[in-house]
């Protein structure tokens, strides 16, 4: 019989802690939030695998280690206002809600947004607002944000969404330009996003964040 609590602990001990994730509040959140509630029922026993987990065509829950390292690098504080871009079924939003003051969970796929609302309510995640709209435009109505998380990869520097950060804000994403792709933390400097690569990572490309095609003459 599937023991979700044991699988969750094994995920944290075998995937998260071993990746040098040390934030005790983040570790506690990952030990507490039932990841299996955020995947299709048929995949519940795969919820804690060491890899991305598909939740819809072209969309996935990020590998637990990658999600944990991105969030830890974002230095989320208890009073932070957070935007979760491409929240999918809401797992990352539930983790962020355990760390931050308020979370806006943005999803452009209406069915995924619906599932996120159901799952977040079921696990008692507080101060999370699920909103639906194009991922590429962010959610300016609730800006500015202290931290913005991308639940997937981008081939472009997300300058438009970066404008929704506070001056001291951070944006964490996976930049997929060349090999290997890099998890990157962006900050605002003189009105522009300046990125710092923090580790190699890979993830499905988020809708709206593909680089324009290049022409060869």
N, C-alpha and C. Protein backbone atom coordinates (compact mmCIF):
# COMPACT_ATOMS: atom_id res chain seq x y z
N UNK A 1 0.84 -1.20 0.00
CA UNK A 1 0.00 0.00 0.00
C UNK A 1 0.88 1.25 0.00
N UNK A 2 0.50 2.24 -0.82
CA UNK A 2 1.28 3.46 -0.95
C UNK A 2 1.23 4.27 0.34
N UNK A 3 2.41 4.57 0.89
CA UNK A 3 2.54 5.37 2.10
C UNK A 3 3.03 6.75 1.70
N UNK A 4 2.10 7.70 1.52
CA UNK A 4 2.45 9.02 1.03
C UNK A 4 3.39 9.76 1.99
N UNK A 5 3.15 9.64 3.28
CA UNK A 5 4.00 10.33 4.26
C UNK A 5 5.43 9.83 4.19
N UNK A 6 5.61 8.52 4.04
CA UNK A 6 6.94 7.95 3.92
C UNK A 6 7.60 8.39 2.60
N UNK A 7 6.83 8.39 1.52
CA UNK A 7 7.36 8.81 0.23
C UNK A 7 7.78 10.28 0.28
N UNK A 8 7.00 11.08 0.99
CA UNK A 8 7.32 12.50 1.12
C UNK A 8 8.62 12.68 1.90
N UNK A 9 8.79 11.94 2.97
CA UNK A 9 10.03 12.04 3.75
C UNK A 9 11.23 11.56 2.94
N UNK A 10 11.05 10.49 2.19
CA UNK A 10 12.15 10.00 1.36
C UNK A 10 12.52 11.01 0.28
N UNK A 11 11.52 11.71 -0.27
CA UNK A 11 11.80 12.76 -1.25
C UNK A 11 12.67 13.86 -0.63
N UNK A 12 12.27 14.29 0.55
CA UNK A 12 13.01 15.37 1.20
C UNK A 12 14.42 14.92 1.59
N UNK A 13 14.53 13.75 2.19
CA UNK A 13 15.84 13.29 2.65
C UNK A 13 16.75 12.90 1.49
N UNK A 14 16.18 12.27 0.45
CA UNK A 14 17.00 11.75 -0.63
C UNK A 14 17.21 12.68 -1.80
N UNK A 15 16.30 13.67 -1.98
CA UNK A 15 16.40 14.56 -3.13
C UNK A 15 16.67 16.01 -2.76
N UNK A 16 16.05 16.47 -1.68
CA UNK A 16 16.11 17.90 -1.35
C UNK A 16 17.29 18.22 -0.44
N UNK A 17 17.39 17.55 0.68
CA UNK A 17 18.50 17.83 1.59
C UNK A 17 19.85 17.54 0.94
N UNK A 18 19.92 16.50 0.14
CA UNK A 18 21.19 16.13 -0.50
C UNK A 18 21.59 17.12 -1.58
N UNK A 19 20.68 18.02 -1.97
CA UNK A 19 20.98 19.05 -2.96
C UNK A 19 21.36 20.36 -2.28
N UNK A 20 21.74 20.29 -1.00
CA UNK A 20 22.18 21.46 -0.22
C UNK A 20 21.07 22.49 -0.03
N UNK A 21 19.86 22.01 0.15
CA UNK A 21 18.75 22.89 0.54
C UNK A 21 18.67 22.84 2.06
N UNK A 22 18.76 24.01 2.69
CA UNK A 22 18.89 24.05 4.15
C UNK A 22 17.79 24.85 4.85
N UNK A 23 17.00 25.62 4.11
CA UNK A 23 15.97 26.46 4.73
C UNK A 23 14.99 25.58 5.51
N UNK A 24 14.95 25.69 6.83
CA UNK A 24 14.10 24.78 7.62
C UNK A 24 12.62 24.93 7.33
N UNK A 25 12.16 26.15 7.04
CA UNK A 25 10.75 26.36 6.74
C UNK A 25 10.37 25.73 5.40
N UNK A 26 11.27 25.82 4.44
CA UNK A 26 11.04 25.20 3.14
C UNK A 26 11.02 23.68 3.25
N UNK A 27 11.96 23.14 4.01
CA UNK A 27 11.99 21.69 4.21
C UNK A 27 10.72 21.22 4.92
N UNK A 28 10.28 21.97 5.91
CA UNK A 28 9.05 21.61 6.62
C UNK A 28 7.85 21.64 5.68
N UNK A 29 7.81 22.64 4.81
CA UNK A 29 6.70 22.73 3.86
C UNK A 29 6.69 21.53 2.93
N UNK A 30 7.86 21.12 2.47
CA UNK A 30 7.92 19.99 1.54
C UNK A 30 7.64 18.66 2.25
N UNK A 31 7.86 18.64 3.56
CA UNK A 31 7.50 17.46 4.35
C UNK A 31 6.00 17.41 4.65
N UNK A 32 5.35 18.56 4.56
CA UNK A 32 3.96 18.68 4.99
C UNK A 32 2.96 18.66 3.83
N UNK A 33 3.27 19.39 2.77
CA UNK A 33 2.32 19.53 1.66
C UNK A 33 2.21 18.20 0.89
N UNK A 34 1.02 17.63 0.78
CA UNK A 34 0.85 16.33 0.10
C UNK A 34 0.90 16.48 -1.42
N UNK A 35 2.06 16.27 -1.99
CA UNK A 35 2.27 16.44 -3.43
C UNK A 35 1.32 15.56 -4.25
N UNK A 36 0.93 14.42 -3.70
CA UNK A 36 0.05 13.51 -4.44
C UNK A 36 -1.32 14.12 -4.71
N UNK A 37 -1.70 15.15 -3.94
CA UNK A 37 -2.98 15.81 -4.16
C UNK A 37 -2.96 16.69 -5.43
N UNK A 38 -1.77 16.94 -5.97
CA UNK A 38 -1.61 17.87 -7.09
C UNK A 38 -1.30 17.18 -8.41
N UNK A 39 -1.48 15.86 -8.44
CA UNK A 39 -1.26 15.10 -9.67
C UNK A 39 -2.53 14.30 -9.97
N UNK A 40 -2.70 13.85 -11.22
CA UNK A 40 -3.85 12.99 -11.52
C UNK A 40 -3.84 11.77 -10.60
N UNK A 41 -5.02 11.31 -10.15
CA UNK A 41 -5.08 10.18 -9.22
C UNK A 41 -4.29 8.97 -9.68
N UNK A 42 -4.24 8.71 -10.97
CA UNK A 42 -3.51 7.55 -11.47
C UNK A 42 -2.01 7.67 -11.28
N UNK A 43 -1.55 8.90 -11.04
CA UNK A 43 -0.11 9.13 -10.87
C UNK A 43 0.29 9.38 -9.42
N UNK A 44 -0.64 9.18 -8.49
CA UNK A 44 -0.37 9.50 -7.09
C UNK A 44 0.88 8.81 -6.57
N UNK A 45 1.09 7.57 -6.95
CA UNK A 45 2.25 6.83 -6.43
C UNK A 45 3.55 7.28 -7.09
N UNK A 46 3.46 8.11 -8.13
CA UNK A 46 4.65 8.65 -8.77
C UNK A 46 4.94 10.09 -8.34
N UNK A 47 4.13 10.60 -7.41
CA UNK A 47 4.19 12.02 -7.06
C UNK A 47 5.54 12.45 -6.52
N UNK A 48 6.30 11.52 -5.97
CA UNK A 48 7.55 11.90 -5.30
C UNK A 48 8.79 11.42 -6.05
N UNK A 49 8.63 11.12 -7.36
CA UNK A 49 9.78 10.67 -8.14
C UNK A 49 10.80 11.80 -8.29
N UNK A 50 12.03 11.41 -8.57
CA UNK A 50 13.12 12.36 -8.76
C UNK A 50 13.13 12.82 -10.21
N UNK A 51 12.14 13.63 -10.57
CA UNK A 51 12.04 14.09 -11.95
C UNK A 51 10.79 14.94 -12.12
N UNK A 52 10.67 15.59 -13.30
CA UNK A 52 9.46 16.33 -13.61
C UNK A 52 8.31 15.34 -13.74
N UNK A 53 7.11 15.78 -13.40
CA UNK A 53 5.94 14.90 -13.47
C UNK A 53 4.86 15.58 -14.30
N UNK A 54 4.52 14.97 -15.43
CA UNK A 54 3.59 15.58 -16.37
C UNK A 54 2.19 15.71 -15.75
N UNK A 55 1.61 16.91 -15.89
CA UNK A 55 0.25 17.16 -15.39
C UNK A 55 -0.69 17.54 -16.53
N UNK A 56 -0.13 17.85 -17.69
CA UNK A 56 -0.90 18.16 -18.90
C UNK A 56 0.11 18.14 -20.04
N UNK A 57 -0.37 18.15 -21.26
CA UNK A 57 0.53 18.11 -22.40
C UNK A 57 1.49 19.30 -22.36
N UNK A 58 2.78 18.99 -22.31
CA UNK A 58 3.78 20.03 -22.29
C UNK A 58 3.97 20.72 -20.96
N UNK A 59 3.27 20.29 -19.93
CA UNK A 59 3.35 20.94 -18.62
C UNK A 59 3.66 19.90 -17.56
N UNK A 60 4.41 20.30 -16.55
CA UNK A 60 4.82 19.34 -15.53
C UNK A 60 5.05 20.04 -14.20
N UNK A 61 4.91 19.28 -13.11
CA UNK A 61 5.43 19.73 -11.82
C UNK A 61 6.94 19.63 -11.91
N UNK A 62 7.62 20.67 -11.47
CA UNK A 62 9.08 20.65 -11.51
C UNK A 62 9.64 19.55 -10.61
N UNK A 63 10.76 19.02 -11.02
CA UNK A 63 11.51 18.08 -10.19
C UNK A 63 11.64 18.66 -8.78
N UNK A 64 11.36 17.89 -7.72
CA UNK A 64 11.37 18.46 -6.37
C UNK A 64 12.65 19.21 -6.00
N UNK A 65 13.79 18.65 -6.36
CA UNK A 65 15.06 19.31 -6.04
C UNK A 65 15.16 20.67 -6.73
N UNK A 66 14.74 20.73 -8.00
CA UNK A 66 14.82 21.98 -8.75
C UNK A 66 13.90 23.03 -8.14
N UNK A 67 12.67 22.63 -7.82
CA UNK A 67 11.73 23.56 -7.20
C UNK A 67 12.28 24.08 -5.87
N UNK A 68 12.80 23.18 -5.05
CA UNK A 68 13.31 23.58 -3.74
C UNK A 68 14.48 24.55 -3.86
N UNK A 69 15.41 24.29 -4.78
CA UNK A 69 16.58 25.15 -4.93
C UNK A 69 16.20 26.52 -5.50
N UNK A 70 15.23 26.54 -6.41
CA UNK A 70 14.78 27.83 -6.94
C UNK A 70 14.14 28.67 -5.83
N UNK A 71 13.29 28.05 -5.03
CA UNK A 71 12.62 28.79 -3.97
C UNK A 71 13.62 29.24 -2.91
N UNK A 72 14.53 28.37 -2.53
CA UNK A 72 15.52 28.77 -1.53
C UNK A 72 16.37 29.92 -2.03
N UNK A 73 16.75 29.88 -3.29
CA UNK A 73 17.56 30.97 -3.86
C UNK A 73 16.81 32.28 -3.88
N UNK A 74 15.48 32.20 -3.92
CA UNK A 74 14.67 33.41 -3.92
C UNK A 74 14.54 34.08 -2.57
N UNK A 75 15.03 33.43 -1.51
CA UNK A 75 15.06 34.01 -0.17
C UNK A 75 13.69 34.57 0.24
N UNK A 76 12.67 33.73 0.12
CA UNK A 76 11.30 34.15 0.41
C UNK A 76 11.14 34.44 1.90
N UNK A 77 10.54 35.59 2.20
CA UNK A 77 10.33 36.03 3.57
C UNK A 77 8.85 35.94 3.95
N UNK A 78 8.55 35.87 5.27
CA UNK A 78 7.17 35.68 5.71
C UNK A 78 6.18 36.75 5.27
N UNK A 79 6.66 37.95 4.97
CA UNK A 79 5.74 39.01 4.54
C UNK A 79 5.83 39.28 3.04
N UNK A 80 6.48 38.40 2.29
CA UNK A 80 6.64 38.61 0.86
C UNK A 80 5.34 38.42 0.09
N UNK A 81 5.21 39.20 -0.96
CA UNK A 81 4.11 39.09 -1.93
C UNK A 81 4.71 38.39 -3.15
N UNK A 82 4.14 37.22 -3.52
CA UNK A 82 4.77 36.33 -4.49
C UNK A 82 3.86 36.08 -5.68
N UNK A 83 4.47 36.01 -6.87
CA UNK A 83 3.77 35.61 -8.08
C UNK A 83 4.34 34.27 -8.55
N UNK A 84 3.46 33.29 -8.72
CA UNK A 84 3.84 31.95 -9.17
C UNK A 84 3.37 31.81 -10.61
N UNK A 85 4.29 31.93 -11.56
CA UNK A 85 3.96 31.95 -12.99
C UNK A 85 3.91 30.51 -13.53
N UNK A 86 2.75 30.13 -14.04
CA UNK A 86 2.59 28.76 -14.51
C UNK A 86 2.41 27.81 -13.35
N UNK A 87 1.47 28.14 -12.48
CA UNK A 87 1.33 27.39 -11.23
C UNK A 87 0.87 25.95 -11.46
N UNK A 88 0.37 25.65 -12.67
CA UNK A 88 -0.08 24.28 -12.94
C UNK A 88 -1.23 23.89 -12.02
N UNK A 89 -1.05 22.79 -11.31
CA UNK A 89 -2.10 22.32 -10.39
C UNK A 89 -1.94 22.90 -8.99
N UNK A 90 -0.95 23.77 -8.79
CA UNK A 90 -0.88 24.51 -7.54
C UNK A 90 0.11 24.03 -6.49
N UNK A 91 0.88 22.98 -6.78
CA UNK A 91 1.80 22.46 -5.75
C UNK A 91 2.81 23.52 -5.32
N UNK A 92 3.45 24.16 -6.28
CA UNK A 92 4.45 25.17 -5.94
C UNK A 92 3.82 26.32 -5.15
N UNK A 93 2.59 26.67 -5.49
CA UNK A 93 1.89 27.74 -4.77
C UNK A 93 1.64 27.35 -3.32
N UNK A 94 1.34 26.07 -3.09
CA UNK A 94 1.13 25.61 -1.71
C UNK A 94 2.43 25.69 -0.92
N UNK A 95 3.54 25.34 -1.54
CA UNK A 95 4.84 25.45 -0.86
C UNK A 95 5.16 26.91 -0.57
N UNK A 96 4.96 27.77 -1.57
CA UNK A 96 5.24 29.20 -1.38
C UNK A 96 4.33 29.81 -0.31
N UNK A 97 3.08 29.36 -0.25
CA UNK A 97 2.15 29.90 0.74
C UNK A 97 2.58 29.61 2.16
N UNK A 98 3.34 28.52 2.35
CA UNK A 98 3.84 28.18 3.68
C UNK A 98 5.00 29.09 4.09
N UNK A 99 5.56 29.82 3.13
CA UNK A 99 6.74 30.64 3.40
C UNK A 99 6.45 32.13 3.32
N UNK A 100 5.52 32.52 2.47
CA UNK A 100 5.30 33.93 2.15
C UNK A 100 4.03 34.47 2.80
N UNK A 101 3.81 35.77 2.62
CA UNK A 101 2.61 36.38 3.16
C UNK A 101 1.40 36.17 2.28
N UNK A 102 1.58 36.26 0.96
CA UNK A 102 0.48 36.09 0.02
C UNK A 102 1.05 35.63 -1.32
N UNK A 103 0.28 34.79 -2.02
CA UNK A 103 0.72 34.23 -3.29
C UNK A 103 -0.36 34.44 -4.34
N UNK A 104 0.05 34.95 -5.50
CA UNK A 104 -0.81 34.99 -6.68
C UNK A 104 -0.36 33.85 -7.58
N UNK A 105 -1.25 32.90 -7.83
CA UNK A 105 -0.94 31.71 -8.62
C UNK A 105 -1.52 31.91 -10.02
N UNK A 106 -0.64 32.17 -10.99
CA UNK A 106 -1.07 32.49 -12.36
C UNK A 106 -1.01 31.26 -13.25
N UNK A 107 -2.12 30.98 -13.95
CA UNK A 107 -2.17 29.85 -14.88
C UNK A 107 -3.04 30.23 -16.07
N UNK A 108 -2.57 29.94 -17.29
CA UNK A 108 -3.37 30.28 -18.46
C UNK A 108 -4.26 29.13 -18.93
N UNK A 109 -3.96 27.92 -18.51
CA UNK A 109 -4.78 26.76 -18.84
C UNK A 109 -5.93 26.70 -17.84
N UNK A 110 -7.16 26.92 -18.33
CA UNK A 110 -8.31 27.02 -17.43
C UNK A 110 -8.53 25.74 -16.63
N UNK A 111 -8.29 24.59 -17.24
CA UNK A 111 -8.50 23.34 -16.53
C UNK A 111 -7.46 23.15 -15.43
N UNK A 112 -6.21 23.50 -15.70
CA UNK A 112 -5.19 23.42 -14.66
C UNK A 112 -5.51 24.39 -13.53
N UNK A 113 -5.97 25.59 -13.88
CA UNK A 113 -6.33 26.57 -12.85
C UNK A 113 -7.46 26.04 -11.97
N UNK A 114 -8.43 25.37 -12.59
CA UNK A 114 -9.52 24.80 -11.82
C UNK A 114 -9.00 23.74 -10.84
N UNK A 115 -8.12 22.88 -11.33
CA UNK A 115 -7.55 21.84 -10.49
C UNK A 115 -6.72 22.45 -9.36
N UNK A 116 -6.01 23.54 -9.67
CA UNK A 116 -5.22 24.21 -8.64
C UNK A 116 -6.10 24.73 -7.52
N UNK A 117 -7.22 25.35 -7.87
CA UNK A 117 -8.14 25.86 -6.85
C UNK A 117 -8.65 24.74 -5.95
N UNK A 118 -9.02 23.61 -6.57
CA UNK A 118 -9.54 22.48 -5.80
C UNK A 118 -8.47 21.92 -4.87
N UNK A 119 -7.26 21.70 -5.42
CA UNK A 119 -6.20 21.08 -4.62
C UNK A 119 -5.73 22.01 -3.50
N UNK A 120 -5.60 23.29 -3.80
CA UNK A 120 -5.14 24.24 -2.77
C UNK A 120 -6.16 24.34 -1.63
N UNK A 121 -7.43 24.32 -1.99
CA UNK A 121 -8.47 24.34 -0.96
C UNK A 121 -8.43 23.07 -0.13
N UNK A 122 -8.21 21.93 -0.79
CA UNK A 122 -8.21 20.65 -0.10
C UNK A 122 -7.09 20.53 0.91
N UNK A 123 -5.94 21.16 0.62
CA UNK A 123 -4.80 21.06 1.56
C UNK A 123 -4.76 22.23 2.54
N UNK A 124 -5.74 23.12 2.45
CA UNK A 124 -5.81 24.23 3.39
C UNK A 124 -4.79 25.32 3.17
N UNK A 125 -4.33 25.48 1.93
CA UNK A 125 -3.36 26.54 1.64
C UNK A 125 -4.05 27.89 1.75
N UNK A 126 -3.49 28.76 2.54
CA UNK A 126 -4.09 30.06 2.78
C UNK A 126 -3.37 31.15 1.99
N UNK A 127 -4.10 32.26 1.79
CA UNK A 127 -3.53 33.44 1.14
C UNK A 127 -2.96 33.13 -0.24
N UNK A 128 -3.66 32.26 -0.99
CA UNK A 128 -3.31 31.99 -2.38
C UNK A 128 -4.50 32.38 -3.25
N UNK A 129 -4.26 33.24 -4.22
CA UNK A 129 -5.29 33.62 -5.18
C UNK A 129 -4.92 33.04 -6.53
N UNK A 130 -5.73 32.13 -7.05
CA UNK A 130 -5.50 31.55 -8.37
C UNK A 130 -6.15 32.45 -9.41
N UNK A 131 -5.35 32.89 -10.38
CA UNK A 131 -5.85 33.77 -11.43
C UNK A 131 -5.52 33.14 -12.79
N UNK A 132 -6.33 33.48 -13.78
CA UNK A 132 -6.16 32.90 -15.11
C UNK A 132 -5.87 34.00 -16.13
N UNK A 133 -4.80 33.79 -16.91
CA UNK A 133 -4.42 34.75 -17.93
C UNK A 133 -3.14 34.30 -18.59
N UNK A 134 -2.72 34.99 -19.65
CA UNK A 134 -1.49 34.62 -20.35
C UNK A 134 -0.29 34.69 -19.42
N UNK A 135 0.51 33.64 -19.41
CA UNK A 135 1.68 33.64 -18.53
C UNK A 135 2.66 34.73 -18.91
N UNK A 136 2.77 35.02 -20.20
CA UNK A 136 3.80 35.94 -20.68
C UNK A 136 3.59 37.38 -20.22
N UNK A 137 2.39 37.71 -19.75
CA UNK A 137 2.15 39.07 -19.28
C UNK A 137 2.19 39.20 -17.76
N UNK A 138 2.39 38.08 -17.08
CA UNK A 138 2.40 38.13 -15.62
C UNK A 138 1.03 38.52 -15.10
N UNK A 139 1.00 39.15 -13.94
CA UNK A 139 -0.27 39.60 -13.35
C UNK A 139 -0.06 40.99 -12.75
N UNK A 140 -0.04 42.02 -13.63
CA UNK A 140 0.25 43.37 -13.15
C UNK A 140 -0.77 43.92 -12.17
N UNK A 141 -1.98 43.37 -12.17
CA UNK A 141 -3.03 43.90 -11.28
C UNK A 141 -2.65 43.80 -9.82
N UNK A 142 -1.83 42.83 -9.47
CA UNK A 142 -1.44 42.64 -8.07
C UNK A 142 0.01 43.02 -7.81
N UNK A 143 0.70 43.54 -8.81
CA UNK A 143 2.09 43.95 -8.65
C UNK A 143 2.18 45.18 -7.74
N UNK A 144 3.36 45.44 -7.15
CA UNK A 144 4.65 44.76 -7.38
C UNK A 144 4.84 43.57 -6.43
N UNK A 145 5.77 42.69 -6.83
CA UNK A 145 6.04 41.46 -6.09
C UNK A 145 7.46 41.46 -5.51
N UNK A 146 7.59 40.78 -4.38
CA UNK A 146 8.92 40.58 -3.80
C UNK A 146 9.66 39.43 -4.49
N UNK A 147 8.89 38.43 -4.91
CA UNK A 147 9.49 37.24 -5.53
C UNK A 147 8.57 36.72 -6.61
N UNK A 148 9.15 36.36 -7.75
CA UNK A 148 8.41 35.75 -8.85
C UNK A 148 9.09 34.43 -9.19
N UNK A 149 8.30 33.37 -9.24
CA UNK A 149 8.80 32.04 -9.59
C UNK A 149 8.22 31.61 -10.92
N UNK A 150 9.08 31.09 -11.80
CA UNK A 150 8.63 30.49 -13.05
C UNK A 150 8.63 28.97 -12.87
N UNK A 151 7.46 28.35 -13.08
CA UNK A 151 7.37 26.89 -12.99
C UNK A 151 7.63 26.25 -14.34
N UNK A 152 8.82 26.49 -14.85
CA UNK A 152 9.20 25.97 -16.15
C UNK A 152 10.31 26.81 -16.72
N UNK A 153 10.64 26.55 -17.98
CA UNK A 153 11.78 27.21 -18.61
C UNK A 153 11.33 28.37 -19.49
N UNK A 154 12.26 29.27 -19.72
CA UNK A 154 12.07 30.38 -20.65
C UNK A 154 13.30 30.49 -21.54
N UNK A 155 13.08 30.81 -22.80
CA UNK A 155 14.20 31.02 -23.71
C UNK A 155 14.55 32.49 -23.83
N UNK A 156 13.76 33.34 -23.20
CA UNK A 156 13.99 34.79 -23.27
C UNK A 156 14.10 35.36 -21.86
N UNK A 157 14.82 36.46 -21.75
CA UNK A 157 14.85 37.17 -20.46
C UNK A 157 13.49 37.82 -20.27
N UNK A 158 12.78 37.49 -19.19
CA UNK A 158 11.39 37.95 -19.02
C UNK A 158 11.30 39.39 -18.52
N UNK A 159 11.73 40.32 -19.36
CA UNK A 159 11.78 41.73 -18.96
C UNK A 159 10.40 42.27 -18.59
N UNK A 160 9.37 41.90 -19.35
CA UNK A 160 8.03 42.44 -19.07
C UNK A 160 7.56 42.05 -17.68
N UNK A 161 7.76 40.79 -17.31
CA UNK A 161 7.36 40.35 -15.98
C UNK A 161 8.31 40.92 -14.92
N UNK A 162 9.56 41.10 -15.28
CA UNK A 162 10.51 41.70 -14.34
C UNK A 162 10.10 43.09 -13.90
N UNK A 163 9.36 43.80 -14.75
CA UNK A 163 8.89 45.14 -14.39
C UNK A 163 7.84 45.10 -13.27
N UNK A 164 7.36 43.89 -12.96
CA UNK A 164 6.38 43.74 -11.89
C UNK A 164 7.03 43.46 -10.53
N UNK A 165 8.36 43.45 -10.50
CA UNK A 165 9.10 43.27 -9.25
C UNK A 165 9.25 44.58 -8.50
N UNK A 166 9.32 44.49 -7.19
CA UNK A 166 9.74 45.62 -6.38
C UNK A 166 11.23 45.87 -6.63
N UNK A 167 11.75 47.04 -6.29
CA UNK A 167 13.18 47.31 -6.52
C UNK A 167 14.10 46.27 -5.89
N UNK A 168 13.67 45.68 -4.79
CA UNK A 168 14.49 44.67 -4.12
C UNK A 168 14.07 43.24 -4.47
N UNK A 169 13.19 43.11 -5.48
CA UNK A 169 12.60 41.82 -5.79
C UNK A 169 13.55 40.86 -6.47
N UNK A 170 13.15 39.57 -6.49
CA UNK A 170 13.91 38.51 -7.12
C UNK A 170 12.99 37.71 -8.04
N UNK A 171 13.54 37.23 -9.13
CA UNK A 171 12.80 36.39 -10.07
C UNK A 171 13.63 35.13 -10.31
N UNK A 172 13.04 33.96 -10.08
CA UNK A 172 13.75 32.69 -10.25
C UNK A 172 13.13 31.92 -11.41
N UNK A 173 13.98 31.47 -12.33
CA UNK A 173 13.48 30.72 -13.48
C UNK A 173 14.60 29.85 -14.03
N UNK A 174 14.26 29.03 -15.01
CA UNK A 174 15.24 28.23 -15.72
C UNK A 174 15.39 28.82 -17.11
N UNK A 175 16.58 29.28 -17.43
CA UNK A 175 16.84 29.88 -18.73
C UNK A 175 17.36 28.80 -19.66
N UNK A 176 16.59 28.54 -20.70
CA UNK A 176 16.92 27.46 -21.63
C UNK A 176 17.43 28.06 -22.94
N UNK A 177 18.64 28.55 -22.89
CA UNK A 177 19.30 29.07 -24.09
C UNK A 177 20.66 28.40 -24.17
N UNK A 178 20.78 27.44 -25.08
CA UNK A 178 22.01 26.67 -25.13
C UNK A 178 21.97 25.54 -24.13
N UNK A 179 23.03 24.78 -24.10
CA UNK A 179 23.12 23.62 -23.21
C UNK A 179 24.32 23.78 -22.29
N UNK A 180 24.18 23.48 -21.00
CA UNK A 180 22.91 23.09 -20.37
C UNK A 180 22.07 24.31 -20.01
N UNK A 181 20.79 24.06 -19.78
CA UNK A 181 19.93 25.11 -19.27
C UNK A 181 20.36 25.45 -17.85
N UNK A 182 20.09 26.69 -17.44
CA UNK A 182 20.57 27.16 -16.14
C UNK A 182 19.43 27.73 -15.29
N UNK A 183 19.33 27.26 -14.07
CA UNK A 183 18.48 27.93 -13.10
C UNK A 183 19.13 29.27 -12.79
N UNK A 184 18.33 30.32 -12.82
CA UNK A 184 18.88 31.68 -12.75
C UNK A 184 18.05 32.55 -11.81
N UNK A 185 18.74 33.37 -11.05
CA UNK A 185 18.08 34.37 -10.22
C UNK A 185 18.31 35.74 -10.85
N UNK A 186 17.21 36.45 -11.12
CA UNK A 186 17.28 37.79 -11.68
C UNK A 186 16.93 38.82 -10.61
N UNK A 187 17.63 39.93 -10.66
CA UNK A 187 17.31 41.10 -9.85
C UNK A 187 17.27 42.32 -10.75
N UNK A 188 16.68 43.40 -10.24
CA UNK A 188 16.55 44.62 -11.04
C UNK A 188 17.75 45.53 -10.76
N UNK A 189 18.39 45.97 -11.84
CA UNK A 189 19.51 46.91 -11.73
C UNK A 189 19.34 47.97 -12.80
N UNK A 190 19.15 49.21 -12.38
CA UNK A 190 18.97 50.33 -13.30
C UNK A 190 17.86 50.08 -14.32
N UNK A 191 16.79 49.45 -13.84
CA UNK A 191 15.62 49.24 -14.67
C UNK A 191 15.66 48.00 -15.54
N UNK A 192 16.72 47.22 -15.44
CA UNK A 192 16.85 46.01 -16.25
C UNK A 192 17.04 44.80 -15.35
N UNK A 193 16.64 43.63 -15.89
CA UNK A 193 16.87 42.39 -15.17
C UNK A 193 18.31 41.93 -15.39
N UNK A 194 18.97 41.63 -14.31
CA UNK A 194 20.34 41.11 -14.36
C UNK A 194 20.33 39.74 -13.71
N UNK A 195 20.78 38.73 -14.45
CA UNK A 195 20.69 37.37 -13.98
C UNK A 195 21.99 36.79 -13.49
N UNK A 196 21.87 35.84 -12.56
CA UNK A 196 23.03 35.09 -12.06
C UNK A 196 22.67 33.61 -12.09
N UNK A 197 23.43 32.83 -12.85
CA UNK A 197 23.18 31.39 -12.93
C UNK A 197 23.56 30.74 -11.60
N UNK A 198 22.71 29.80 -11.14
CA UNK A 198 23.00 29.19 -9.85
C UNK A 198 23.19 27.67 -9.92
N UNK A 199 22.59 27.00 -10.91
CA UNK A 199 22.86 25.57 -11.08
C UNK A 199 22.28 25.11 -12.42
N UNK A 200 22.77 23.99 -12.92
CA UNK A 200 22.22 23.40 -14.14
C UNK A 200 20.86 22.80 -13.84
N UNK A 201 19.92 23.00 -14.75
CA UNK A 201 18.58 22.46 -14.55
C UNK A 201 17.88 22.38 -15.89
N UNK A 202 16.80 21.62 -15.93
CA UNK A 202 16.00 21.53 -17.14
C UNK A 202 14.54 21.44 -16.76
N UNK A 203 13.68 21.93 -17.64
CA UNK A 203 12.23 21.88 -17.39
C UNK A 203 11.52 22.14 -18.70
N UNK A 204 10.25 21.73 -18.82
CA UNK A 204 9.49 22.05 -20.02
C UNK A 204 9.38 23.57 -20.21
N UNK A 205 9.37 24.00 -21.46
CA UNK A 205 9.25 25.41 -21.78
C UNK A 205 7.84 25.90 -21.48
N UNK A 206 7.73 27.00 -20.76
CA UNK A 206 6.42 27.56 -20.46
C UNK A 206 5.81 28.22 -21.70
N UNK A 207 4.50 28.14 -21.86
CA UNK A 207 3.85 28.81 -23.00
C UNK A 207 4.13 30.31 -22.99
N UNK A 208 4.48 30.83 -24.16
CA UNK A 208 4.72 32.26 -24.29
C UNK A 208 6.15 32.69 -24.04
N UNK A 209 7.04 31.74 -23.76
CA UNK A 209 8.42 32.11 -23.44
C UNK A 209 9.44 31.49 -24.38
N UNK A 210 8.99 31.15 -25.61
CA UNK A 210 9.92 30.68 -26.62
C UNK A 210 10.60 31.88 -27.28
N UNK A 211 11.85 31.72 -27.64
CA UNK A 211 12.56 32.79 -28.34
C UNK A 211 12.02 32.90 -29.76
N UNK A 212 12.01 34.12 -30.32
CA UNK A 212 11.56 34.28 -31.71
C UNK A 212 12.45 33.46 -32.64
N UNK A 213 11.89 32.91 -33.72
CA UNK A 213 12.70 32.13 -34.64
C UNK A 213 13.76 32.99 -35.31
N UNK A 214 14.91 32.40 -35.54
CA UNK A 214 15.97 33.10 -36.24
C UNK A 214 15.96 32.70 -37.70
N UNK A 215 16.29 33.64 -38.56
CA UNK A 215 16.26 33.38 -40.00
C UNK A 215 17.69 33.20 -40.51
N UNK A 216 17.86 32.21 -41.34
CA UNK A 216 19.16 31.94 -41.94
C UNK A 216 19.08 32.23 -43.42
N UNK A 217 19.96 33.09 -43.90
CA UNK A 217 19.94 33.47 -45.31
C UNK A 217 21.03 32.70 -46.06
